């Protein structure tokens, strides 16, 4: 989660991830997630909701030659059994 990771500004980091995915794939994270959600799911609309989401795993890494993970939301941490 953010407190234990390298990310200092969650909202800005999620915004950058969303923009990067939109630029490379034509659809940002929030758009992609909303297309995957069921009608009775609570929509994921904010960085805080995405950070706490247990259905959709989000990971990011740095730009090093051997990239180091710098962020994982709750779902991804649970998938990798980390806290």
Protein backbone atom coordinates (compact mmCIF):
# COMPACT_ATOMS: atom_id res chain seq x y z
CA UNK A 1 0.00 0.00 0.00
CA UNK A 2 1.10 3.58 -0.37
CA UNK A 3 2.52 4.02 3.13
CA UNK A 4 4.98 1.18 2.60
CA UNK A 5 5.81 1.93 -1.03
CA UNK A 6 7.69 4.58 -2.93
CA UNK A 7 4.66 6.60 -4.04
CA UNK A 8 4.31 9.95 -2.29
CA UNK A 9 1.17 11.21 -4.06
CA UNK A 10 -1.37 8.45 -4.76
CA UNK A 11 -3.79 10.63 -6.75
CA UNK A 12 -1.04 11.92 -9.04
CA UNK A 13 0.49 8.47 -9.52
CA UNK A 14 -2.85 6.88 -10.45
CA UNK A 15 -3.54 9.79 -12.81
CA UNK A 16 -0.20 9.19 -14.55
CA UNK A 17 -0.88 5.44 -14.82
CA UNK A 18 -4.35 6.14 -16.22
CA UNK A 19 -2.98 8.60 -18.80
CA UNK A 20 -0.17 6.25 -19.80
CA UNK A 21 -2.56 3.37 -20.41
CA UNK A 22 -4.94 5.64 -22.34
CA UNK A 23 -2.07 6.84 -24.53
CA UNK A 24 -0.72 3.35 -25.25
CA UNK A 25 -4.00 1.40 -25.43
CA UNK A 26 -6.68 3.98 -26.20
CA UNK A 27 -8.48 3.48 -22.90
CA UNK A 28 -7.41 4.45 -19.37
CA UNK A 29 -7.60 2.25 -16.28
CA UNK A 30 -10.86 3.70 -15.04
CA UNK A 31 -12.52 3.21 -18.45
CA UNK A 32 -11.18 -0.33 -18.71
CA UNK A 33 -12.31 -1.25 -15.19
CA UNK A 34 -15.78 0.24 -15.70
CA UNK A 35 -16.23 -1.92 -18.82
CA UNK A 36 -15.32 -5.02 -16.76
CA UNK A 37 -17.59 -4.26 -13.80
CA UNK A 38 -20.96 -5.87 -13.29
CA UNK A 39 -24.09 -3.72 -13.06
CA UNK A 40 -24.29 -4.23 -9.28
CA UNK A 41 -20.61 -3.38 -8.65
CA UNK A 42 -19.75 -0.02 -7.10
CA UNK A 43 -18.05 2.02 -9.81
CA UNK A 44 -14.34 2.68 -9.31
CA UNK A 45 -14.04 6.41 -9.93
CA UNK A 46 -11.21 7.67 -7.68
CA UNK A 47 -7.60 6.84 -6.91
CA UNK A 48 -8.56 5.93 -3.35
CA UNK A 49 -11.23 3.49 -4.58
CA UNK A 50 -8.73 1.92 -6.99
CA UNK A 51 -6.11 1.63 -4.24
CA UNK A 52 -8.58 -0.22 -1.98
CA UNK A 53 -10.16 -2.32 -4.75
CA UNK A 54 -9.90 -6.07 -4.21
CA UNK A 55 -11.05 -7.16 -7.69
CA UNK A 56 -8.72 -5.33 -10.08
CA UNK A 57 -4.97 -5.62 -9.45
CA UNK A 58 -2.83 -2.62 -10.36
CA UNK A 59 0.97 -2.66 -10.31
CA UNK A 60 3.50 -0.13 -11.50
CA UNK A 61 7.26 -0.11 -11.76
CA UNK A 62 10.10 2.30 -12.35
CA UNK A 63 12.04 2.81 -15.56
CA UNK A 64 15.26 1.11 -14.40
CA UNK A 65 16.90 -1.44 -16.75
CA UNK A 66 15.71 -4.06 -14.24
CA UNK A 67 12.42 -2.41 -13.20
CA UNK A 68 11.50 -2.27 -9.53
CA UNK A 69 7.84 -2.32 -8.50
CA UNK A 70 6.89 0.96 -6.85
CA UNK A 71 3.13 0.57 -6.35
CA UNK A 72 0.55 -2.14 -5.86
CA UNK A 73 -3.06 -1.76 -4.83
CA UNK A 74 -4.76 -4.08 -2.31
CA UNK A 75 -5.77 -6.63 -4.96
CA UNK A 76 -2.25 -6.96 -6.35
CA UNK A 77 -0.69 -7.16 -2.87
CA UNK A 78 -3.11 -9.94 -1.93
CA UNK A 79 -2.34 -11.77 -5.18
CA UNK A 80 1.36 -11.63 -4.35
CA UNK A 81 0.65 -12.26 -0.65
CA UNK A 82 2.37 -9.06 0.48
CA UNK A 83 1.31 -6.40 2.97
